[in-house]
Structure formats: C-alpha cells, structure tokens
N, C-alpha and C. Protein backbone atom coordinates (compact mmCIF):
# COMPACT_ATOMS: atom_id res chain seq x y z
N MET A 1 -18.80 -33.39 -55.90
CA MET A 1 -18.79 -31.95 -55.82
C MET A 1 -17.47 -31.42 -55.26
N LYS A 2 -16.59 -32.31 -54.86
CA LYS A 2 -15.33 -31.87 -54.27
C LYS A 2 -14.44 -31.13 -55.27
N ASN A 3 -14.58 -31.42 -56.55
CA ASN A 3 -13.69 -30.86 -57.56
C ASN A 3 -14.12 -29.50 -58.08
N PHE A 4 -15.19 -28.95 -57.53
CA PHE A 4 -15.71 -27.69 -58.04
C PHE A 4 -15.49 -26.58 -57.02
N SER A 5 -15.13 -25.41 -57.52
CA SER A 5 -14.86 -24.28 -56.63
C SER A 5 -16.00 -23.29 -56.56
N THR A 6 -16.84 -23.26 -57.59
CA THR A 6 -17.89 -22.26 -57.67
C THR A 6 -19.18 -22.91 -58.15
N PHE A 7 -20.28 -22.46 -57.59
CA PHE A 7 -21.60 -22.94 -57.99
C PHE A 7 -22.41 -21.74 -58.47
N ILE A 8 -23.02 -21.86 -59.63
CA ILE A 8 -23.76 -20.76 -60.24
C ILE A 8 -25.16 -21.24 -60.58
N GLY A 9 -26.16 -20.57 -60.02
CA GLY A 9 -27.55 -20.85 -60.33
C GLY A 9 -28.07 -19.80 -61.29
N MET A 10 -28.84 -20.21 -62.27
CA MET A 10 -29.33 -19.28 -63.28
C MET A 10 -30.83 -19.43 -63.48
N ASP A 11 -31.49 -18.31 -63.69
CA ASP A 11 -32.90 -18.29 -64.09
C ASP A 11 -32.90 -17.75 -65.51
N VAL A 12 -33.02 -18.64 -66.48
CA VAL A 12 -32.83 -18.30 -67.89
C VAL A 12 -34.16 -17.89 -68.53
N HIS A 13 -34.15 -16.71 -69.14
CA HIS A 13 -35.30 -16.20 -69.88
C HIS A 13 -34.85 -15.88 -71.31
N LYS A 14 -35.78 -15.53 -72.16
CA LYS A 14 -35.47 -15.26 -73.56
C LYS A 14 -34.45 -14.13 -73.71
N GLU A 15 -34.63 -13.04 -72.99
CA GLU A 15 -33.76 -11.87 -73.13
C GLU A 15 -32.67 -11.76 -72.07
N THR A 16 -32.91 -12.32 -70.87
CA THR A 16 -31.99 -12.14 -69.75
C THR A 16 -31.75 -13.45 -69.00
N ILE A 17 -30.69 -13.43 -68.18
CA ILE A 17 -30.39 -14.52 -67.27
C ILE A 17 -30.11 -13.90 -65.90
N ALA A 18 -30.89 -14.28 -64.89
CA ALA A 18 -30.62 -13.87 -63.51
C ALA A 18 -29.63 -14.87 -62.92
N VAL A 19 -28.60 -14.37 -62.21
CA VAL A 19 -27.50 -15.21 -61.78
C VAL A 19 -27.27 -15.07 -60.27
N ALA A 20 -27.06 -16.20 -59.61
CA ALA A 20 -26.63 -16.24 -58.21
C ALA A 20 -25.39 -17.13 -58.14
N THR A 21 -24.47 -16.78 -57.26
CA THR A 21 -23.23 -17.55 -57.14
C THR A 21 -23.01 -17.97 -55.69
N ALA A 22 -22.21 -19.00 -55.51
CA ALA A 22 -21.78 -19.44 -54.17
C ALA A 22 -20.44 -20.12 -54.30
N GLY A 23 -19.57 -19.84 -53.37
CA GLY A 23 -18.29 -20.54 -53.31
C GLY A 23 -18.50 -21.90 -52.66
N LYS A 24 -17.45 -22.67 -52.57
CA LYS A 24 -17.57 -24.03 -52.04
C LYS A 24 -18.12 -24.03 -50.62
N HIS A 25 -17.74 -23.07 -49.82
CA HIS A 25 -18.19 -23.03 -48.43
C HIS A 25 -18.92 -21.72 -48.10
N GLY A 26 -19.23 -20.95 -49.11
CA GLY A 26 -19.89 -19.67 -48.87
C GLY A 26 -21.39 -19.74 -49.08
N SER A 27 -22.06 -18.72 -48.59
CA SER A 27 -23.50 -18.67 -48.79
C SER A 27 -23.79 -18.05 -50.16
N PRO A 28 -24.92 -18.39 -50.74
CA PRO A 28 -25.25 -17.85 -52.06
C PRO A 28 -25.50 -16.35 -52.02
N ARG A 29 -25.17 -15.70 -53.12
CA ARG A 29 -25.45 -14.27 -53.23
C ARG A 29 -25.92 -13.98 -54.65
N TYR A 30 -26.81 -13.02 -54.74
CA TYR A 30 -27.34 -12.62 -56.04
C TYR A 30 -26.27 -11.84 -56.78
N TYR A 31 -25.92 -12.29 -57.95
CA TYR A 31 -24.90 -11.64 -58.77
C TYR A 31 -25.50 -10.50 -59.59
N GLY A 32 -26.65 -10.76 -60.19
CA GLY A 32 -27.31 -9.76 -61.02
C GLY A 32 -27.90 -10.40 -62.26
N GLU A 33 -28.28 -9.56 -63.18
CA GLU A 33 -28.89 -10.01 -64.42
C GLU A 33 -27.95 -9.70 -65.58
N ILE A 34 -27.85 -10.64 -66.51
CA ILE A 34 -27.05 -10.43 -67.71
C ILE A 34 -27.94 -10.67 -68.92
N ALA A 35 -27.50 -10.20 -70.06
CA ALA A 35 -28.23 -10.46 -71.30
C ALA A 35 -28.06 -11.94 -71.67
N ASN A 36 -29.06 -12.50 -72.29
CA ASN A 36 -28.98 -13.90 -72.73
C ASN A 36 -28.32 -13.93 -74.11
N THR A 37 -27.01 -13.66 -74.10
CA THR A 37 -26.20 -13.70 -75.32
C THR A 37 -24.94 -14.51 -75.03
N ALA A 38 -24.34 -15.03 -76.08
CA ALA A 38 -23.11 -15.81 -75.93
C ALA A 38 -21.99 -14.94 -75.34
N GLU A 39 -21.91 -13.69 -75.76
CA GLU A 39 -20.86 -12.79 -75.28
C GLU A 39 -21.01 -12.52 -73.78
N ALA A 40 -22.24 -12.25 -73.34
CA ALA A 40 -22.47 -11.95 -71.92
C ALA A 40 -22.20 -13.17 -71.06
N LEU A 41 -22.56 -14.36 -71.54
CA LEU A 41 -22.32 -15.58 -70.78
C LEU A 41 -20.82 -15.87 -70.67
N THR A 42 -20.09 -15.67 -71.74
CA THR A 42 -18.63 -15.86 -71.71
C THR A 42 -18.00 -14.90 -70.71
N LYS A 43 -18.43 -13.65 -70.72
CA LYS A 43 -17.91 -12.64 -69.79
C LYS A 43 -18.22 -13.03 -68.35
N LEU A 44 -19.44 -13.53 -68.10
CA LEU A 44 -19.82 -13.97 -66.77
C LEU A 44 -18.90 -15.09 -66.28
N VAL A 45 -18.71 -16.10 -67.11
CA VAL A 45 -17.88 -17.25 -66.71
C VAL A 45 -16.47 -16.80 -66.39
N LYS A 46 -15.90 -15.94 -67.21
CA LYS A 46 -14.54 -15.45 -66.96
C LYS A 46 -14.45 -14.64 -65.67
N LYS A 47 -15.54 -13.98 -65.32
CA LYS A 47 -15.53 -13.12 -64.13
C LYS A 47 -15.77 -13.89 -62.83
N VAL A 48 -16.65 -14.88 -62.84
CA VAL A 48 -17.02 -15.54 -61.58
C VAL A 48 -16.31 -16.87 -61.32
N VAL A 49 -15.70 -17.46 -62.34
CA VAL A 49 -15.01 -18.74 -62.15
C VAL A 49 -13.50 -18.46 -62.10
N PRO A 50 -12.86 -18.79 -60.96
CA PRO A 50 -11.42 -18.56 -60.86
C PRO A 50 -10.65 -19.29 -61.97
N SER A 51 -9.54 -18.73 -62.36
CA SER A 51 -8.71 -19.31 -63.41
C SER A 51 -8.35 -20.76 -63.09
N ARG A 52 -8.44 -21.60 -64.09
CA ARG A 52 -8.11 -23.03 -64.00
C ARG A 52 -9.03 -23.79 -63.04
N SER A 53 -10.15 -23.23 -62.70
CA SER A 53 -11.10 -23.90 -61.82
C SER A 53 -12.28 -24.41 -62.63
N LYS A 54 -13.01 -25.30 -62.03
CA LYS A 54 -14.23 -25.82 -62.65
C LYS A 54 -15.42 -25.35 -61.82
N ALA A 55 -16.52 -25.11 -62.49
CA ALA A 55 -17.72 -24.66 -61.82
C ALA A 55 -18.90 -25.56 -62.17
N VAL A 56 -19.91 -25.52 -61.32
CA VAL A 56 -21.16 -26.21 -61.58
C VAL A 56 -22.22 -25.14 -61.83
N PHE A 57 -22.84 -25.20 -62.99
CA PHE A 57 -23.93 -24.30 -63.33
C PHE A 57 -25.22 -25.10 -63.26
N CYS A 58 -26.31 -24.44 -62.89
CA CYS A 58 -27.59 -25.12 -62.81
C CYS A 58 -28.70 -24.15 -63.20
N TYR A 59 -29.68 -24.65 -63.93
CA TYR A 59 -30.85 -23.84 -64.26
C TYR A 59 -32.05 -24.74 -64.42
N GLU A 60 -33.23 -24.12 -64.34
CA GLU A 60 -34.48 -24.84 -64.48
C GLU A 60 -34.74 -25.13 -65.96
N ALA A 61 -35.17 -26.33 -66.25
CA ALA A 61 -35.43 -26.72 -67.63
C ALA A 61 -36.47 -25.82 -68.28
N GLY A 62 -36.22 -25.47 -69.53
CA GLY A 62 -37.14 -24.63 -70.28
C GLY A 62 -36.62 -24.41 -71.68
N PRO A 63 -37.39 -23.77 -72.53
CA PRO A 63 -37.02 -23.62 -73.93
C PRO A 63 -35.89 -22.63 -74.20
N CYS A 64 -35.53 -21.81 -73.22
CA CYS A 64 -34.52 -20.78 -73.45
C CYS A 64 -33.11 -21.20 -73.05
N GLY A 65 -32.93 -22.41 -72.55
CA GLY A 65 -31.64 -22.78 -71.99
C GLY A 65 -30.76 -23.67 -72.83
N TYR A 66 -31.24 -24.14 -73.98
CA TYR A 66 -30.44 -25.08 -74.77
C TYR A 66 -29.09 -24.50 -75.18
N GLY A 67 -29.08 -23.30 -75.68
CA GLY A 67 -27.83 -22.66 -76.08
C GLY A 67 -26.92 -22.39 -74.90
N VAL A 68 -27.51 -22.01 -73.77
CA VAL A 68 -26.75 -21.76 -72.54
C VAL A 68 -26.04 -23.04 -72.11
N HIS A 69 -26.76 -24.14 -72.07
CA HIS A 69 -26.17 -25.42 -71.68
C HIS A 69 -25.02 -25.81 -72.61
N ARG A 70 -25.26 -25.70 -73.88
CA ARG A 70 -24.24 -26.07 -74.87
C ARG A 70 -22.97 -25.22 -74.71
N GLN A 71 -23.15 -23.92 -74.52
CA GLN A 71 -21.99 -23.04 -74.39
C GLN A 71 -21.20 -23.33 -73.11
N ILE A 72 -21.89 -23.53 -72.00
CA ILE A 72 -21.20 -23.79 -70.74
C ILE A 72 -20.44 -25.10 -70.78
N THR A 73 -21.06 -26.15 -71.31
CA THR A 73 -20.36 -27.44 -71.38
C THR A 73 -19.20 -27.38 -72.38
N ASP A 74 -19.34 -26.62 -73.44
CA ASP A 74 -18.23 -26.45 -74.39
C ASP A 74 -17.04 -25.73 -73.75
N MET A 75 -17.31 -24.93 -72.72
CA MET A 75 -16.24 -24.22 -72.00
C MET A 75 -15.59 -25.12 -70.94
N GLY A 76 -16.09 -26.36 -70.80
CA GLY A 76 -15.48 -27.32 -69.89
C GLY A 76 -16.08 -27.36 -68.50
N HIS A 77 -17.23 -26.74 -68.30
CA HIS A 77 -17.86 -26.73 -66.99
C HIS A 77 -19.07 -27.66 -66.99
N ARG A 78 -19.47 -28.06 -65.81
CA ARG A 78 -20.65 -28.90 -65.66
C ARG A 78 -21.90 -28.01 -65.64
N CYS A 79 -22.94 -28.44 -66.31
CA CYS A 79 -24.19 -27.69 -66.35
C CYS A 79 -25.34 -28.65 -66.13
N ASP A 80 -26.00 -28.50 -64.97
CA ASP A 80 -27.12 -29.36 -64.62
C ASP A 80 -28.42 -28.65 -64.96
N VAL A 81 -29.35 -29.41 -65.49
CA VAL A 81 -30.68 -28.89 -65.81
C VAL A 81 -31.66 -29.60 -64.89
N ARG A 82 -32.47 -28.84 -64.18
CA ARG A 82 -33.43 -29.41 -63.24
C ARG A 82 -34.84 -29.06 -63.66
N SER A 83 -35.76 -29.94 -63.37
CA SER A 83 -37.17 -29.72 -63.67
C SER A 83 -37.87 -29.10 -62.47
N SER A 84 -38.78 -28.20 -62.74
CA SER A 84 -39.57 -27.61 -61.66
C SER A 84 -40.71 -28.54 -61.26
N LEU A 85 -40.87 -29.63 -61.97
CA LEU A 85 -41.99 -30.54 -61.73
C LEU A 85 -41.61 -31.76 -60.90
N ILE A 86 -40.47 -31.70 -60.23
CA ILE A 86 -40.03 -32.83 -59.41
C ILE A 86 -40.91 -32.88 -58.17
N ASP A 87 -41.53 -34.03 -57.94
CA ASP A 87 -42.37 -34.20 -56.77
C ASP A 87 -41.51 -34.44 -55.54
N THR A 88 -41.88 -33.80 -54.46
CA THR A 88 -41.23 -34.06 -53.18
C THR A 88 -42.17 -34.90 -52.34
N GLU A 89 -41.65 -35.47 -51.30
CA GLU A 89 -42.47 -36.30 -50.43
C GLU A 89 -43.64 -35.50 -49.86
N GLU A 90 -43.38 -34.24 -49.51
CA GLU A 90 -44.43 -33.38 -48.95
C GLU A 90 -45.53 -33.11 -49.96
N SER A 91 -45.17 -32.90 -51.23
CA SER A 91 -46.18 -32.58 -52.23
C SER A 91 -47.03 -33.78 -52.60
N LEU A 92 -46.59 -34.98 -52.25
CA LEU A 92 -47.36 -36.19 -52.55
C LEU A 92 -48.37 -36.54 -51.47
N GLU A 93 -48.27 -35.88 -50.31
CA GLU A 93 -49.20 -36.18 -49.23
C GLU A 93 -50.61 -35.69 -49.59
N VAL A 94 -51.58 -36.51 -49.31
CA VAL A 94 -52.98 -36.17 -49.57
C VAL A 94 -53.67 -35.99 -48.25
N GLU A 95 -54.37 -34.86 -48.09
CA GLU A 95 -55.08 -34.61 -46.85
C GLU A 95 -56.48 -35.13 -46.90
C-alpha cells in the first residue's frame, strides 16, 4: 500500500455510485454520489486522484460493478472487490 496516494471506497448501484475518499494518512470523508456511467467515473478519477499518482479503489461485490472494475483497471489503478459474506471470528462464535 506504500505506492498509493489515494484510497476510494464505492457503494455501486445500478444508477448511482456513492463515493468516499481518504488520503494516505487522512481520515475518510464522504465525497458524494455520482451517476453510474463511464463519463462520471472518468471525471471522478481525474478529480480525486492526483496527477501521475496511483489509487486503490474498493467496492462490495455485486452485479453492478463489473464495468466499474474494468474501467478503473484500464485506467491503471488497482480495484479490489470485497464480499459482504466474509466471516469474521466474532460472527463464527456460537452462544
């Protein structure tokens, strides 16, 4: 993670994408909502990722994110997809 300057979390839906950003040492902040279009995503990347920098994008796995992932990786950035079904140690405890 040392090579990345910006971290972007996304909640991807069919029509919109909710976005939060954080710098390398900053706290996360809600950026806002954008349309789920290629043009809006390109504009977002140009606005929140400093020139010549690399960013890490992350979103929860789902049917609306395939195009988002493809576009971000084609722009040269890392895009992680996470499952909401990951078990944690706490969730495995049985009372």
